[in-house]
Amino acid sequence: MFRRCILVVAVIAGMGLLTWLLPLFHIVPLDNARASKAAEKRVDPAVLAEHFWREQLPVELAKAHDLRAVLEAIATDIQAARHKYGRTVGISSSFLVLVQGSARVVSVDSKNVALSVRGDSSEPDVLVRAALISGNSVRDVTGLLNMNDFANSQDFNEIAMQLNRIVEERVLPEVRERAVVGQDLQFIGCAELTGNAKQQKPLKAIPLRVNSRKPEQAK
């Protein structure tokens, strides 16, 4: 009996020592646990923005709405246009549209290229941005990037900045090169609109892809 007691005590002591050396779990402060979890989910905004630009965005650009149809819808009933063509982020009063089309260049300045969809008019229907880009339209227009998928809002905001930088470095130089008064500019772009139709004319668009055609080549 005595030997059995010694054996039991030895086993219990051994298990206790093993548990102390190799604990089944660790107790850490809640803030430290959250910080560690957030660190695991952190992404490189520049890398993710590049992946989005190269791999995800092109598929969505092919689905862009016809520019003339969107402009007509806005002029007729902007709320109906919002429902049919727009995308609302959260509870915002504004909405985003992705458009594609061709229009004649009527003027060019340091900030914008003015386009008219009416061949006999010099009044612009669209202003395509040709200078610095700001805001979140490029990031949010497709809905593929969701803030809930990121550990913190800083990364999400940084992605918007990185995408704007890509547009500035890769698209805007093409806009400035191809934008010649009298020629047609073919483009795909995004725009943010409010609920007031009068404030949307001309439509202010951020270019995501551009091309150009001489007037005689236009359809």
C-alpha atoms as a PDB file:
ATOM      1  CA  MET A   1       0.000   0.000   0.000  1.00  0.00           C
ATOM      2  CA  PHE A   2       2.815   2.350   0.952  1.00  0.00           C
ATOM      3  CA  ARG A   3       4.600   1.699  -2.341  1.00  0.00           C
ATOM      4  CA  ARG A   4       1.378   2.329  -4.252  1.00  0.00           C
ATOM      5  CA  CYS A   5       0.938   5.690  -2.506  1.00  0.00           C
ATOM      6  CA  ILE A   6       4.507   6.641  -3.367  1.00  0.00           C
ATOM      7  CA  LEU A   7       3.899   5.658  -6.990  1.00  0.00           C
ATOM      8  CA  VAL A   8       0.708   7.723  -7.188  1.00  0.00           C
ATOM      9  CA  VAL A   9       2.420  10.737  -5.645  1.00  0.00           C
ATOM     10  CA  ALA A  10       5.329  10.363  -8.095  1.00  0.00           C
ATOM     11  CA  VAL A  11       2.972  10.186 -11.070  1.00  0.00           C
ATOM     12  CA  ILE A  12       1.036  13.255  -9.900  1.00  0.00           C
ATOM     13  CA  ALA A  13       4.257  15.180  -9.294  1.00  0.00           C
ATOM     14  CA  GLY A  14       5.554  14.205 -12.724  1.00  0.00           C
ATOM     15  CA  MET A  15       2.340  15.325 -14.425  1.00  0.00           C
ATOM     16  CA  GLY A  16       2.454  18.593 -12.496  1.00  0.00           C
ATOM     17  CA  LEU A  17       6.033  19.228 -13.573  1.00  0.00           C
ATOM     18  CA  LEU A  18       5.201  18.416 -17.193  1.00  0.00           C
ATOM     19  CA  THR A  19       2.195  20.764 -17.150  1.00  0.00           C
ATOM     20  CA  TRP A  20       4.339  23.527 -15.694  1.00  0.00           C
ATOM     21  CA  LEU A  21       6.991  23.065 -18.337  1.00  0.00           C
ATOM     22  CA  LEU A  22       4.520  22.608 -21.223  1.00  0.00           C
ATOM     23  CA  PRO A  23       1.301  24.420 -20.258  1.00  0.00           C
ATOM     24  CA  LEU A  24      -1.873  23.630 -22.180  1.00  0.00           C
ATOM     25  CA  PHE A  25      -2.698  27.330 -22.484  1.00  0.00           C
ATOM     26  CA  HIS A  26      -1.310  30.765 -21.701  1.00  0.00           C
ATOM     27  CA  ILE A  27      -3.130  33.611 -20.012  1.00  0.00           C
ATOM     28  CA  VAL A  28      -2.281  36.945 -21.620  1.00  0.00           C
ATOM     29  CA  PRO A  29      -3.799  40.417 -21.257  1.00  0.00           C
ATOM     30  CA  LEU A  30      -6.781  41.022 -23.552  1.00  0.00           C
ATOM     31  CA  ASP A  31      -5.160  44.052 -25.214  1.00  0.00           C
ATOM     32  CA  ASN A  32      -2.065  42.005 -26.033  1.00  0.00           C
ATOM     33  CA  ALA A  33      -4.189  39.236 -27.524  1.00  0.00           C
ATOM     34  CA  ARG A  34      -6.074  41.705 -29.709  1.00  0.00           C
ATOM     35  CA  ALA A  35      -2.857  43.346 -30.852  1.00  0.00           C
ATOM     36  CA  SER A  36      -1.367  39.980 -31.752  1.00  0.00           C
ATOM     37  CA  LYS A  37      -4.467  38.971 -33.692  1.00  0.00           C
ATOM     38  CA  ALA A  38      -4.507  42.290 -35.532  1.00  0.00           C
ATOM     39  CA  ALA A  39      -0.842  41.906 -36.423  1.00  0.00           C
ATOM     40  CA  GLU A  40      -1.540  38.514 -37.958  1.00  0.00           C
ATOM     41  CA  LYS A  41      -4.222  40.031 -40.190  1.00  0.00           C
ATOM     42  CA  ARG A  42      -2.185  43.077 -41.280  1.00  0.00           C
ATOM     43  CA  VAL A  43      -1.616  43.329 -44.986  1.00  0.00           C
ATOM     44  CA  ASP A  44       0.685  45.418 -47.119  1.00  0.00           C
ATOM     45  CA  PRO A  45      -1.669  48.033 -48.652  1.00  0.00           C
ATOM     46  CA  ALA A  46       0.636  48.618 -51.614  1.00  0.00           C
ATOM     47  CA  VAL A  47       0.722  44.894 -52.454  1.00  0.00           C
ATOM     48  CA  LEU A  48      -3.027  44.501 -52.080  1.00  0.00           C
ATOM     49  CA  ALA A  49      -3.706  47.618 -54.172  1.00  0.00           C
ATOM     50  CA  GLU A  50      -1.467  46.287 -56.933  1.00  0.00           C
ATOM     51  CA  HIS A  51      -3.231  42.908 -56.864  1.00  0.00           C
ATOM     52  CA  PHE A  52      -6.626  44.611 -57.015  1.00  0.00           C
ATOM     53  CA  TRP A  53      -5.536  46.811 -59.912  1.00  0.00           C
ATOM     54  CA  ARG A  54      -4.085  43.971 -61.972  1.00  0.00           C
ATOM     55  CA  GLU A  55      -6.270  40.985 -61.111  1.00  0.00           C
ATOM     56  CA  GLN A  56      -9.679  42.155 -59.882  1.00  0.00           C
ATOM     57  CA  LEU A  57     -10.422  45.546 -61.377  1.00  0.00           C
ATOM     58  CA  PRO A  58     -10.133  44.588 -65.091  1.00  0.00           C
ATOM     59  CA  VAL A  59     -13.032  42.151 -64.749  1.00  0.00           C
ATOM     60  CA  GLU A  60     -15.210  44.877 -63.235  1.00  0.00           C
ATOM     61  CA  LEU A  61     -14.227  47.451 -65.842  1.00  0.00           C
ATOM     62  CA  ALA A  62     -15.724  45.228 -68.509  1.00  0.00           C
ATOM     63  CA  LYS A  63     -19.067  45.634 -66.717  1.00  0.00           C
ATOM     64  CA  ALA A  64     -18.992  49.448 -66.692  1.00  0.00           C
ATOM     65  CA  HIS A  65     -22.246  51.138 -67.680  1.00  0.00           C
ATOM     66  CA  ASP A  66     -22.686  53.071 -70.905  1.00  0.00           C
ATOM     67  CA  LEU A  67     -21.787  56.722 -70.380  1.00  0.00           C
ATOM     68  CA  ARG A  68     -24.653  58.156 -72.425  1.00  0.00           C
ATOM     69  CA  ALA A  69     -27.218  55.943 -70.718  1.00  0.00           C
ATOM     70  CA  VAL A  70     -25.999  57.017 -67.280  1.00  0.00           C
ATOM     71  CA  LEU A  71     -26.005  60.707 -68.201  1.00  0.00           C
ATOM     72  CA  GLU A  72     -29.542  60.469 -69.563  1.00  0.00           C
ATOM     73  CA  ALA A  73     -30.728  58.613 -66.480  1.00  0.00           C
ATOM     74  CA  ILE A  74     -29.196  61.224 -64.168  1.00  0.00           C
ATOM     75  CA  ALA A  75     -30.864  64.050 -66.076  1.00  0.00           C
ATOM     76  CA  THR A  76     -34.240  62.290 -66.053  1.00  0.00           C
ATOM     77  CA  ASP A  77     -34.443  60.886 -62.514  1.00  0.00           C
ATOM     78  CA  ILE A  78     -31.308  60.788 -60.429  1.00  0.00           C
ATOM     79  CA  GLN A  79     -32.811  58.495 -57.792  1.00  0.00           C
ATOM     80  CA  ALA A  80     -33.812  55.989 -60.466  1.00  0.00           C
ATOM     81  CA  ALA A  81     -30.299  56.322 -61.892  1.00  0.00           C
ATOM     82  CA  ARG A  82     -28.914  55.631 -58.450  1.00  0.00           C
ATOM     83  CA  HIS A  83     -30.974  52.453 -58.158  1.00  0.00           C
ATOM     84  CA  LYS A  84     -30.125  51.207 -61.650  1.00  0.00           C
ATOM     85  CA  TYR A  85     -26.494  52.193 -62.085  1.00  0.00           C
ATOM     86  CA  GLY A  86     -25.115  53.273 -58.713  1.00  0.00           C
ATOM     87  CA  ARG A  87     -23.503  51.711 -55.708  1.00  0.00           C
ATOM     88  CA  THR A  88     -23.969  53.206 -52.248  1.00  0.00           C
ATOM     89  CA  VAL A  89     -21.310  52.757 -49.574  1.00  0.00           C
ATOM     90  CA  GLY A  90     -22.809  52.334 -46.105  1.00  0.00           C
ATOM     91  CA  ILE A  91     -25.462  54.940 -45.328  1.00  0.00           C
ATOM     92  CA  SER A  92     -23.882  57.644 -47.466  1.00  0.00           C
ATOM     93  CA  SER A  93     -26.167  60.088 -49.258  1.00  0.00           C
ATOM     94  CA  SER A  94     -23.922  59.879 -52.319  1.00  0.00           C
ATOM     95  CA  PHE A  95     -23.397  56.961 -54.693  1.00  0.00           C
ATOM     96  CA  LEU A  96     -20.741  55.698 -57.089  1.00  0.00           C
ATOM     97  CA  VAL A  97     -21.031  54.803 -60.766  1.00  0.00           C
ATOM     98  CA  LEU A  98     -18.666  53.022 -63.121  1.00  0.00           C
ATOM     99  CA  VAL A  99     -19.032  54.282 -66.697  1.00  0.00           C
ATOM    100  CA  GLN A 100     -17.464  53.719 -70.083  1.00  0.00           C
ATOM    101  CA  GLY A 101     -17.889  55.542 -73.352  1.00  0.00           C
ATOM    102  CA  SER A 102     -16.471  57.898 -75.931  1.00  0.00           C
ATOM    103  CA  ALA A 103     -16.862  61.680 -76.102  1.00  0.00           C
ATOM    104  CA  ARG A 104     -15.273  64.571 -77.939  1.00  0.00           C
ATOM    105  CA  VAL A 105     -12.611  66.637 -76.195  1.00  0.00           C
ATOM    106  CA  VAL A 106     -13.782  70.257 -76.075  1.00  0.00           C
ATOM    107  CA  SER A 107     -11.132  71.720 -73.775  1.00  0.00           C
ATOM    108  CA  VAL A 108      -8.097  70.781 -71.709  1.00  0.00           C
ATOM    109  CA  ASP A 109      -6.585  72.472 -68.680  1.00  0.00           C
ATOM    110  CA  SER A 110      -4.137  71.528 -65.925  1.00  0.00           C
ATOM    111  CA  LYS A 111      -6.780  69.727 -63.868  1.00  0.00           C
ATOM    112  CA  ASN A 112      -9.424  68.290 -66.205  1.00  0.00           C
ATOM    113  CA  VAL A 113     -10.259  67.203 -69.713  1.00  0.00           C
ATOM    114  CA  ALA A 114     -13.717  68.440 -70.718  1.00  0.00           C
ATOM    115  CA  LEU A 115     -15.748  66.069 -72.895  1.00  0.00           C
ATOM    116  CA  SER A 116     -19.009  66.454 -74.782  1.00  0.00           C
ATOM    117  CA  VAL A 117     -21.179  63.511 -75.796  1.00  0.00           C
ATOM    118  CA  ARG A 118     -23.020  65.815 -78.213  1.00  0.00           C
ATOM    119  CA  GLY A 119     -20.998  66.277 -81.346  1.00  0.00           C
ATOM    120  CA  ASP A 120     -22.214  69.808 -82.079  1.00  0.00           C
ATOM    121  CA  SER A 121     -21.809  71.214 -78.572  1.00  0.00           C
ATOM    122  CA  SER A 122     -18.843  72.814 -76.836  1.00  0.00           C
ATOM    123  CA  GLU A 123     -20.516  72.543 -73.422  1.00  0.00           C
ATOM    124  CA  PRO A 124     -18.936  69.697 -71.438  1.00  0.00           C
ATOM    125  CA  ASP A 125     -20.987  66.765 -70.198  1.00  0.00           C
ATOM    126  CA  VAL A 126     -18.028  65.118 -68.439  1.00  0.00           C
ATOM    127  CA  LEU A 127     -14.871  66.343 -66.743  1.00  0.00           C
ATOM    128  CA  VAL A 128     -12.214  63.642 -66.717  1.00  0.00           C
ATOM    129  CA  ARG A 129      -9.652  64.232 -64.003  1.00  0.00           C
ATOM    130  CA  ALA A 130      -6.114  64.913 -65.250  1.00  0.00           C
ATOM    131  CA  ALA A 131      -4.417  65.981 -62.006  1.00  0.00           C
ATOM    132  CA  LEU A 132      -4.089  64.706 -58.434  1.00  0.00           C
ATOM    133  CA  ILE A 133      -6.647  62.132 -57.266  1.00  0.00           C
ATOM    134  CA  SER A 134      -8.226  62.096 -53.814  1.00  0.00           C
ATOM    135  CA  GLY A 135     -11.058  60.286 -52.079  1.00  0.00           C
ATOM    136  CA  ASN A 136     -12.126  56.648 -52.006  1.00  0.00           C
ATOM    137  CA  SER A 137     -14.004  56.253 -55.298  1.00  0.00           C
ATOM    138  CA  VAL A 138     -11.409  54.032 -56.987  1.00  0.00           C
ATOM    139  CA  ARG A 139     -11.328  51.723 -53.980  1.00  0.00           C
ATOM    140  CA  ASP A 140     -15.081  51.590 -53.385  1.00  0.00           C
ATOM    141  CA  VAL A 141     -16.739  51.699 -56.806  1.00  0.00           C
ATOM    142  CA  THR A 142     -16.616  47.927 -57.379  1.00  0.00           C
ATOM    143  CA  GLY A 143     -17.500  46.802 -53.844  1.00  0.00           C
ATOM    144  CA  LEU A 144     -14.787  44.153 -53.952  1.00  0.00           C
ATOM    145  CA  LEU A 145     -12.844  45.737 -51.098  1.00  0.00           C
ATOM    146  CA  ASN A 146     -14.723  45.735 -47.798  1.00  0.00           C
ATOM    147  CA  MET A 147     -13.602  47.478 -44.616  1.00  0.00           C
ATOM    148  CA  ASN A 148     -14.795  44.513 -42.528  1.00  0.00           C
ATOM    149  CA  ASP A 149     -12.107  42.372 -44.139  1.00  0.00           C
ATOM    150  CA  PHE A 150      -9.316  44.460 -42.629  1.00  0.00           C
ATOM    151  CA  ALA A 151      -7.927  44.510 -39.127  1.00  0.00           C
ATOM    152  CA  ASN A 152      -8.023  48.287 -38.916  1.00  0.00           C
ATOM    153  CA  SER A 153      -9.273  51.274 -40.861  1.00  0.00           C
ATOM    154  CA  GLN A 154      -5.744  52.572 -41.397  1.00  0.00           C
ATOM    155  CA  ASP A 155      -4.953  49.733 -43.812  1.00  0.00           C
ATOM    156  CA  PHE A 156      -8.250  50.278 -45.625  1.00  0.00           C
ATOM    157  CA  ASN A 157      -7.588  53.996 -46.039  1.00  0.00           C
ATOM    158  CA  GLU A 158      -4.029  53.323 -47.164  1.00  0.00           C
ATOM    159  CA  ILE A 159      -5.322  51.071 -49.940  1.00  0.00           C
ATOM    160  CA  ALA A 160      -7.413  53.975 -51.262  1.00  0.00           C
ATOM    161  CA  MET A 161      -4.320  56.169 -51.275  1.00  0.00           C
ATOM    162  CA  GLN A 162      -2.271  53.510 -53.057  1.00  0.00           C
ATOM    163  CA  LEU A 163      -4.932  53.064 -55.751  1.00  0.00           C
ATOM    164  CA  ASN A 164      -5.123  56.817 -56.265  1.00  0.00           C
ATOM    165  CA  ARG A 165      -1.348  56.832 -56.656  1.00  0.00           C
ATOM    166  CA  ILE A 166      -1.560  54.109 -59.308  1.00  0.00           C
ATOM    167  CA  VAL A 167      -4.095  56.167 -61.262  1.00  0.00           C
ATOM    168  CA  GLU A 168      -1.908  59.262 -61.000  1.00  0.00           C
ATOM    169  CA  GLU A 169       1.212  57.436 -62.185  1.00  0.00           C
ATOM    170  CA  ARG A 170      -0.219  55.133 -64.851  1.00  0.00           C
ATOM    171  CA  VAL A 171      -3.466  56.598 -66.168  1.00  0.00           C
ATOM    172  CA  LEU A 172      -3.243  60.378 -65.880  1.00  0.00           C
ATOM    173  CA  PRO A 173      -0.141  60.649 -68.103  1.00  0.00           C
ATOM    174  CA  GLU A 174      -2.114  58.838 -70.826  1.00  0.00           C
ATOM    175  CA  VAL A 175      -5.058  61.171 -70.321  1.00  0.00           C
ATOM    176  CA  ARG A 176      -2.846  64.221 -70.784  1.00  0.00           C
ATOM    177  CA  GLU A 177      -1.123  62.686 -73.807  1.00  0.00           C
ATOM    178  CA  ARG A 178      -4.263  61.570 -75.605  1.00  0.00           C
ATOM    179  CA  ALA A 179      -6.544  64.489 -74.763  1.00  0.00           C
ATOM    180  CA  VAL A 180      -6.487  66.638 -77.919  1.00  0.00           C
ATOM    181  CA  VAL A 181      -9.283  69.094 -78.629  1.00  0.00           C
ATOM    182  CA  GLY A 182     -11.426  67.795 -81.474  1.00  0.00           C
ATOM    183  CA  GLN A 183     -10.556  64.152 -80.922  1.00  0.00           C
ATOM    184  CA  ASP A 184     -12.678  61.527 -79.210  1.00  0.00           C
ATOM    185  CA  LEU A 185     -11.451  60.175 -75.913  1.00  0.00           C
ATOM    186  CA  GLN A 186     -12.550  56.676 -75.016  1.00  0.00           C
ATOM    187  CA  PHE A 187     -12.399  56.013 -71.310  1.00  0.00           C
ATOM    188  CA  ILE A 188     -13.628  53.951 -68.396  1.00  0.00           C
ATOM    189  CA  GLY A 189     -13.954  55.799 -65.135  1.00  0.00           C
ATOM    190  CA  CYS A 190     -15.694  56.162 -61.815  1.00  0.00           C
ATOM    191  CA  ALA A 191     -17.643  59.079 -60.394  1.00  0.00           C
ATOM    192  CA  GLU A 192     -19.302  59.969 -57.117  1.00  0.00           C
ATOM    193  CA  LEU A 193     -22.703  61.658 -57.258  1.00  0.00           C
ATOM    194  CA  THR A 194     -25.076  63.235 -54.769  1.00  0.00           C
ATOM    195  CA  GLY A 195     -28.853  63.287 -54.931  1.00  0.00           C
ATOM    196  CA  ASN A 196     -29.015  66.634 -56.763  1.00  0.00           C
ATOM    197  CA  ALA A 197     -29.064  66.228 -60.537  1.00  0.00           C
ATOM    198  CA  LYS A 198     -28.105  69.870 -61.195  1.00  0.00           C
ATOM    199  CA  GLN A 199     -24.906  69.448 -59.205  1.00  0.00           C
ATOM    200  CA  GLN A 200     -23.839  66.488 -61.345  1.00  0.00           C
ATOM    201  CA  LYS A 201     -23.403  68.434 -64.571  1.00  0.00           C
ATOM    202  CA  PRO A 202     -20.812  68.013 -65.835  1.00  0.00           C
ATOM    203  CA  LEU A 203     -20.134  64.558 -64.449  1.00  0.00           C
ATOM    204  CA  LYS A 204     -16.760  64.511 -62.703  1.00  0.00           C
ATOM    205  CA  ALA A 205     -14.994  61.233 -63.444  1.00  0.00           C
ATOM    206  CA  ILE A 206     -11.727  59.647 -62.386  1.00  0.00           C
ATOM    207  CA  PRO A 207     -10.244  57.776 -65.374  1.00  0.00           C
ATOM    208  CA  LEU A 208      -9.247  54.154 -64.917  1.00  0.00           C
ATOM    209  CA  ARG A 209      -8.567  53.317 -68.580  1.00  0.00           C
ATOM    210  CA  VAL A 210      -8.224  55.622 -71.597  1.00  0.00           C
ATOM    211  CA  ASN A 211      -7.980  55.456 -75.364  1.00  0.00           C
ATOM    212  CA  SER A 212      -8.403  57.968 -78.161  1.00  0.00           C
ATOM    213  CA  ARG A 213      -9.801  58.126 -81.656  1.00  0.00           C
ATOM    214  CA  LYS A 214      -9.772  60.807 -84.297  1.00  0.00           C
ATOM    215  CA  PRO A 215     -13.220  62.192 -85.198  1.00  0.00           C
ATOM    216  CA  GLU A 216     -13.321  60.423 -88.568  1.00  0.00           C
ATOM    217  CA  GLN A 217     -12.650  57.114 -86.816  1.00  0.00           C
ATOM    218  CA  ALA A 218     -15.501  57.514 -84.376  1.00  0.00           C
ATOM    219  CA  LYS A 219     -18.708  55.651 -84.977  1.00  0.00           C
END
